[in-house]
Amino acid sequence: MDEHGPGSAAECQERIDENSLCILIRLEQRLFAVPADLVEAMMQLPGLTPVPGQGACMRGLMQFREKVIPLVDLRRCANLETSSEQDLALQTLLEERIQDHRNWLGELEASVLEKRAFTGALDPNLCKLGRWLNSLEARELTVRTQLQRIRSAHASLHAVATQVIESVQAGREDEAKTLIEQTRQISLSRIIELFAELRVIFRETRREIAVVLRLAGSKVALGVDAVVAVERLRPGTLQDLELGGTPASPLIRSVARRAREDSLVQILNLDELLRMVGTHHEPVEELEAAC
């Protein structure tokens, strides 16, 4: 590793001012900035070696130019879900929505057998899945396309209820039962397939980026969602939170606005980042042996 390990007491003297060229990085909808001249490299996140006892924000170790460097999970630092937590949450949500529609078909079948009114939602926009689909906004074309496929399949499934009701009213109960069973075997199965594909697409479009920084003689990588731009901040908007502001996190030193638009940019406190890495740092020999 470098002469000064991340556990060094040295501080990073680099601060962003209104003339600094910045690298803007994104987590979810939030923008963060680091000085461009401290960025050593940006790459797709490589394989990591976990190191036990390193703290929640320390994701693990990665190889970089024949060196072993720590990677800080900026999502953890910003109190956001990690990519693995997001995937698990999505899996749970989709399983719940599938069970909702199994129950919905069960209620539709019961209404036929018991000769009573169907109490489920006819409008696909009114069930939990429909409301969730309508709430989503995706940047990526692949995600938008897949969501549209799910919306179409979901609408077709709900349309079966009207067909079943009409068949029962016409005295064709066997036809109604057949429609329900076909919907279970075909339409619901298709939605399950589309959900599985959606999870894969989400994982592929959320491939994290490692931004490697030079901090006080050390190299530290940040795991981020995306690198957005290289630009200067809007003049007159820089507010130092250490001088009277209220930082949401010790990792945020100041805030400003983008020059091209009104988006808020949070400027990372690199000294705090360095201290955090040092707090959870083991001797270099142990770290390199872990890899």
Protein backbone atom coordinates (compact mmCIF):
# COMPACT_ATOMS: atom_id res chain seq x y z
CA MET A 1 0.00 0.00 0.00
CA ASP A 2 1.00 3.65 0.01
CA GLU A 3 3.38 5.10 2.54
CA HIS A 4 0.58 6.56 4.63
CA GLY A 5 -2.10 3.95 5.28
CA PRO A 6 -5.72 4.95 5.71
CA GLY A 7 -5.16 4.76 9.46
CA SER A 8 -2.69 7.65 9.31
CA ALA A 9 -3.42 10.75 11.36
CA ALA A 10 -2.72 12.88 8.30
CA GLU A 11 -5.59 14.98 7.03
CA CYS A 12 -6.72 15.72 3.53
CA GLN A 13 -6.22 19.46 3.06
CA GLU A 14 -8.17 19.62 -0.20
CA ARG A 15 -11.42 21.57 0.04
CA ILE A 16 -13.89 22.52 -2.62
CA ASP A 17 -14.43 26.21 -3.28
CA GLU A 18 -16.40 28.00 -5.99
CA ASN A 19 -13.50 27.71 -8.44
CA SER A 20 -12.92 23.99 -7.91
CA LEU A 21 -13.55 21.48 -10.64
CA CYS A 22 -15.71 18.76 -9.12
CA ILE A 23 -16.70 15.20 -9.88
CA LEU A 24 -20.43 14.86 -9.21
CA ILE A 25 -21.54 11.42 -8.09
CA ARG A 26 -25.07 10.16 -7.50
CA LEU A 27 -26.79 8.01 -4.91
CA GLU A 28 -30.48 7.57 -5.68
CA GLN A 29 -31.61 11.15 -6.38
CA ARG A 30 -28.90 12.79 -4.25
CA LEU A 31 -25.77 14.41 -5.69
CA PHE A 32 -22.39 14.54 -3.97
CA ALA A 33 -19.15 16.27 -4.98
CA VAL A 34 -15.47 15.48 -4.57
CA PRO A 35 -12.51 17.50 -5.93
CA ALA A 36 -11.70 16.33 -9.44
CA ASP A 37 -7.95 16.51 -8.90
CA LEU A 38 -8.18 13.92 -6.09
CA VAL A 39 -9.89 11.34 -8.29
CA GLU A 40 -7.42 8.67 -9.37
CA ALA A 41 -9.83 6.48 -11.36
CA MET A 42 -13.48 5.56 -11.94
CA MET A 43 -14.50 2.03 -12.84
CA GLN A 44 -17.23 -0.55 -12.54
CA LEU A 45 -17.12 -1.94 -9.03
CA PRO A 46 -14.79 -4.98 -9.03
CA GLY A 47 -15.00 -8.03 -6.81
CA LEU A 48 -14.55 -7.26 -3.12
CA THR A 49 -13.02 -9.16 -0.23
CA PRO A 50 -15.06 -8.67 2.96
CA VAL A 51 -13.07 -7.95 6.12
CA PRO A 52 -14.93 -8.78 9.36
CA GLY A 53 -15.19 -6.13 12.04
CA GLN A 54 -14.64 -3.17 9.71
CA GLY A 55 -17.88 -1.33 10.46
CA ALA A 56 -21.04 -0.85 8.42
CA CYS A 57 -19.61 1.74 6.02
CA MET A 58 -16.56 -0.32 5.15
CA ARG A 59 -17.67 -2.59 2.32
CA GLY A 60 -14.43 -4.53 1.90
CA LEU A 61 -11.16 -4.52 0.00
CA MET A 62 -10.53 -4.28 -3.72
CA GLN A 63 -7.54 -4.68 -5.99
CA PHE A 64 -6.38 -1.49 -7.68
CA ARG A 65 -3.19 -1.34 -9.74
CA GLU A 66 -1.58 -4.21 -7.83
CA LYS A 67 -2.51 -2.61 -4.51
CA VAL A 68 -5.19 -3.48 -1.98
CA ILE A 69 -7.40 -0.53 -1.02
CA PRO A 70 -10.54 -0.17 1.14
CA LEU A 71 -13.92 0.58 -0.39
CA VAL A 72 -16.36 2.76 1.53
CA ASP A 73 -20.04 2.08 0.91
CA LEU A 74 -21.33 5.62 0.47
CA ARG A 75 -24.89 4.32 0.58
CA ARG A 76 -24.33 3.12 4.14
CA CYS A 77 -22.72 6.41 5.08
CA ALA A 78 -25.72 8.29 3.67
CA ASN A 79 -28.19 6.01 5.51
CA LEU A 80 -29.54 4.61 2.24
CA GLU A 81 -30.35 0.99 1.47
CA THR A 82 -27.48 -0.94 -0.06
CA SER A 83 -27.96 -2.57 -3.45
CA SER A 84 -28.35 -5.99 -1.81
CA GLU A 85 -30.93 -4.60 0.62
CA GLN A 86 -32.81 -3.01 -2.29
CA ASP A 87 -32.86 -6.32 -4.15
CA LEU A 88 -34.17 -8.16 -1.10
CA ALA A 89 -36.84 -5.49 -0.52
CA LEU A 90 -37.91 -5.72 -4.17
CA GLN A 91 -38.07 -9.51 -3.97
CA THR A 92 -40.25 -9.31 -0.84
CA LEU A 93 -42.55 -6.71 -2.41
CA LEU A 94 -43.01 -8.71 -5.61
CA GLU A 95 -43.72 -11.91 -3.69
CA GLU A 96 -46.38 -10.06 -1.71
CA ARG A 97 -47.98 -8.72 -4.88
CA ILE A 98 -48.03 -12.20 -6.42
CA GLN A 99 -49.74 -13.54 -3.31
CA ASP A 100 -52.25 -10.68 -3.54
CA HIS A 101 -53.21 -11.87 -7.02
CA ARG A 102 -53.38 -15.51 -6.00
CA ASN A 103 -55.84 -14.36 -3.34
CA TRP A 104 -57.63 -12.20 -5.94
CA LEU A 105 -58.12 -15.21 -8.22
CA GLY A 106 -59.22 -17.26 -5.22
CA GLU A 107 -61.89 -14.67 -4.42
CA LEU A 108 -62.98 -14.61 -8.07
CA GLU A 109 -63.32 -18.40 -8.07
CA ALA A 110 -65.21 -18.35 -4.76
CA SER A 111 -67.68 -15.80 -6.14
CA VAL A 112 -68.48 -18.23 -8.98
CA LEU A 113 -68.81 -21.30 -6.76
CA GLU A 114 -70.84 -19.50 -4.09
CA LYS A 115 -72.95 -17.59 -6.63
CA ARG A 116 -72.25 -14.20 -5.12
CA ALA A 117 -70.81 -10.86 -6.19
CA PHE A 118 -67.07 -10.57 -6.72
CA THR A 119 -65.52 -8.16 -4.20
CA GLY A 120 -62.04 -7.80 -5.71
CA ALA A 121 -60.73 -4.86 -7.74
CA LEU A 122 -61.70 -4.81 -11.41
CA ASP A 123 -59.52 -1.80 -12.18
CA PRO A 124 -55.82 -2.81 -12.23
CA ASN A 125 -54.86 0.70 -11.09
CA LEU A 126 -56.65 0.24 -7.77
CA CYS A 127 -54.81 -2.78 -6.39
CA LYS A 128 -51.47 -2.50 -4.56
CA LEU A 129 -49.48 -3.68 -7.58
CA GLY A 130 -51.19 -1.18 -9.86
CA ARG A 131 -50.54 1.69 -7.46
CA TRP A 132 -46.91 0.64 -7.09
CA LEU A 133 -46.42 0.42 -10.86
CA ASN A 134 -47.99 3.85 -11.33
CA SER A 135 -45.66 5.35 -8.72
CA LEU A 136 -42.46 4.25 -10.47
CA GLU A 137 -40.35 6.57 -12.58
CA ALA A 138 -37.41 4.99 -14.38
CA ARG A 139 -34.58 6.68 -16.29
CA GLU A 140 -33.40 3.53 -18.06
CA LEU A 141 -35.17 2.41 -21.23
CA THR A 142 -34.81 -1.26 -20.30
CA VAL A 143 -36.55 -0.69 -16.96
CA ARG A 144 -39.33 1.40 -18.52
CA THR A 145 -39.92 -1.26 -21.19
CA GLN A 146 -40.10 -4.05 -18.62
CA LEU A 147 -42.49 -2.08 -16.42
CA GLN A 148 -44.75 -1.53 -19.41
CA ARG A 149 -44.78 -5.29 -20.07
CA ILE A 150 -45.78 -5.88 -16.46
CA ARG A 151 -48.52 -3.23 -16.64
CA SER A 152 -49.92 -4.85 -19.79
CA ALA A 153 -49.88 -8.36 -18.30
CA HIS A 154 -51.39 -7.05 -15.07
CA ALA A 155 -54.21 -5.27 -16.93
CA SER A 156 -54.96 -8.45 -18.90
CA LEU A 157 -55.20 -10.43 -15.68
CA HIS A 158 -57.69 -7.99 -14.15
CA ALA A 159 -59.73 -7.96 -17.37
CA VAL A 160 -60.48 -11.64 -16.80
CA ALA A 161 -62.75 -10.73 -13.88
CA THR A 162 -65.15 -8.90 -16.20
CA GLN A 163 -65.14 -11.87 -18.60
CA VAL A 164 -65.86 -14.26 -15.73
CA ILE A 165 -68.72 -12.11 -14.43
CA GLU A 166 -70.24 -11.94 -17.92
CA SER A 167 -69.93 -15.71 -18.36
CA VAL A 168 -71.66 -16.36 -15.03
CA GLN A 169 -74.45 -13.92 -15.87
CA ALA A 170 -74.96 -15.80 -19.15
CA GLY A 171 -75.18 -19.11 -17.30
CA ARG A 172 -71.78 -20.38 -18.51
CA GLU A 173 -70.24 -21.22 -15.16
CA ASP A 174 -67.95 -23.92 -16.56
CA GLU A 175 -66.54 -21.37 -18.97
CA ALA A 176 -65.97 -18.97 -16.07
CA LYS A 177 -64.10 -21.64 -14.08
CA THR A 178 -61.94 -22.47 -17.10
CA LEU A 179 -61.07 -18.80 -17.55
CA ILE A 180 -59.95 -18.55 -13.93
CA GLU A 181 -57.76 -21.65 -14.16
CA GLN A 182 -56.21 -20.48 -17.43
CA THR A 183 -55.45 -17.15 -15.80
CA ARG A 184 -53.68 -18.91 -12.93
CA GLN A 185 -51.62 -21.08 -15.24
CA ILE A 186 -50.83 -18.52 -17.94
CA SER A 187 -51.39 -14.89 -16.96
CA LEU A 188 -50.20 -15.11 -13.36
CA SER A 189 -47.25 -17.28 -14.36
CA ARG A 190 -46.33 -14.68 -16.98
CA ILE A 191 -46.33 -11.92 -14.38
CA ILE A 192 -44.07 -14.03 -12.15
CA GLU A 193 -41.64 -14.42 -15.07
CA LEU A 194 -41.72 -10.68 -15.77
CA PHE A 195 -41.02 -9.94 -12.10
CA ALA A 196 -37.96 -12.23 -12.17
CA GLU A 197 -36.72 -10.45 -15.30
CA LEU A 198 -37.30 -7.07 -13.63
CA ARG A 199 -35.04 -8.01 -10.73
CA VAL A 200 -32.27 -8.99 -13.14
CA ILE A 201 -32.69 -5.74 -15.08
CA PHE A 202 -32.60 -3.70 -11.87
CA ARG A 203 -29.37 -5.40 -10.83
CA GLU A 204 -27.81 -4.80 -14.24
CA THR A 205 -28.79 -1.13 -14.35
CA ARG A 206 -27.62 -0.56 -10.77
CA ARG A 207 -24.07 -1.71 -11.31
CA GLU A 208 -22.09 0.36 -8.88
CA ILE A 209 -19.12 2.52 -9.74
CA ALA A 210 -15.92 2.65 -7.69
CA VAL A 211 -14.42 6.14 -7.50
CA VAL A 212 -10.82 5.90 -6.32
CA LEU A 213 -9.56 8.93 -4.36
CA ARG A 214 -6.08 9.99 -3.23
CA LEU A 215 -6.42 11.07 0.40
CA ALA A 216 -3.37 12.11 2.45
CA GLY A 217 -1.10 9.65 0.68
CA SER A 218 -3.67 6.84 0.73
CA LYS A 219 -6.05 5.53 -1.87
CA VAL A 220 -9.65 4.96 -0.86
CA ALA A 221 -12.53 3.90 -3.13
CA LEU A 222 -16.12 5.09 -2.84
CA GLY A 223 -18.97 2.86 -3.99
CA VAL A 224 -21.55 5.06 -5.79
CA ASP A 225 -24.52 4.61 -8.13
CA ALA A 226 -23.18 6.74 -10.96
CA VAL A 227 -20.75 9.45 -11.99
CA VAL A 228 -22.89 12.32 -13.27
CA ALA A 229 -20.59 15.09 -14.46
CA VAL A 230 -17.32 16.98 -14.17
CA GLU A 231 -18.12 20.65 -13.57
CA ARG A 232 -17.80 23.69 -11.33
CA LEU A 233 -20.50 24.63 -8.84
CA ARG A 234 -22.73 27.67 -9.22
CA PRO A 235 -20.99 30.79 -7.85
CA GLY A 236 -22.47 32.24 -4.68
CA THR A 237 -24.26 29.06 -3.57
CA LEU A 238 -21.58 27.38 -1.44
CA GLN A 239 -22.65 27.05 2.20
CA ASP A 240 -20.20 25.63 4.73
CA LEU A 241 -22.18 23.51 7.19
CA GLU A 242 -19.29 23.48 9.63
CA LEU A 243 -19.84 27.23 10.12
CA GLY A 244 -23.38 27.25 11.40
CA GLY A 245 -25.24 24.89 9.10
CA THR A 246 -26.81 21.61 10.16
CA PRO A 247 -25.16 18.69 8.36
CA ALA A 248 -27.32 15.60 7.92
CA SER A 249 -24.17 13.50 8.30
CA PRO A 250 -20.58 14.10 9.49
CA LEU A 251 -19.57 13.14 5.96
CA ILE A 252 -21.19 16.29 4.54
CA ARG A 253 -18.94 19.36 4.81
CA SER A 254 -20.96 21.87 2.77
CA VAL A 255 -23.67 22.22 0.14
CA ALA A 256 -24.01 24.15 -3.10
CA ARG A 257 -26.05 24.25 -6.32
CA ARG A 258 -25.18 22.97 -9.75
CA ALA A 259 -24.29 25.65 -12.30
CA ARG A 260 -26.57 24.23 -15.00
CA GLU A 261 -29.64 23.57 -12.88
CA ASP A 262 -30.98 24.07 -9.36
CA SER A 263 -30.05 20.63 -8.01
CA LEU A 264 -28.55 20.57 -4.52
CA VAL A 265 -25.03 19.15 -4.29
CA GLN A 266 -23.63 17.83 -1.00
CA ILE A 267 -19.86 18.18 -0.69
CA LEU A 268 -18.15 15.29 1.03
CA ASN A 269 -16.01 15.86 4.10
CA LEU A 270 -12.88 14.01 3.03
CA ASP A 271 -11.19 14.43 6.42
CA GLU A 272 -14.13 12.62 8.02
CA LEU A 273 -13.96 9.94 5.34
CA LEU A 274 -10.26 9.45 6.07
CA ARG A 275 -10.90 9.25 9.81
CA MET A 276 -13.71 6.76 9.28
CA VAL A 277 -11.49 4.52 7.18
CA GLY A 278 -8.74 4.78 9.79
CA THR A 279 -11.11 3.85 12.62
CA HIS A 280 -11.92 0.53 10.99
CA HIS A 281 -8.48 -0.12 9.55
CA GLU A 282 -6.36 -3.17 10.33
CA PRO A 283 -2.58 -3.42 9.79
CA VAL A 284 -1.66 -3.42 6.12
CA GLU A 285 -0.24 -6.93 6.31
CA GLU A 286 -3.54 -8.31 7.62
CA LEU A 287 -5.58 -6.50 4.97
CA GLU A 288 -3.41 -7.70 2.12
CA ALA A 289 -3.44 -11.23 3.51
CA ALA A 290 -7.25 -11.12 3.49
CA CYS A 291 -7.14 -10.66 -0.28
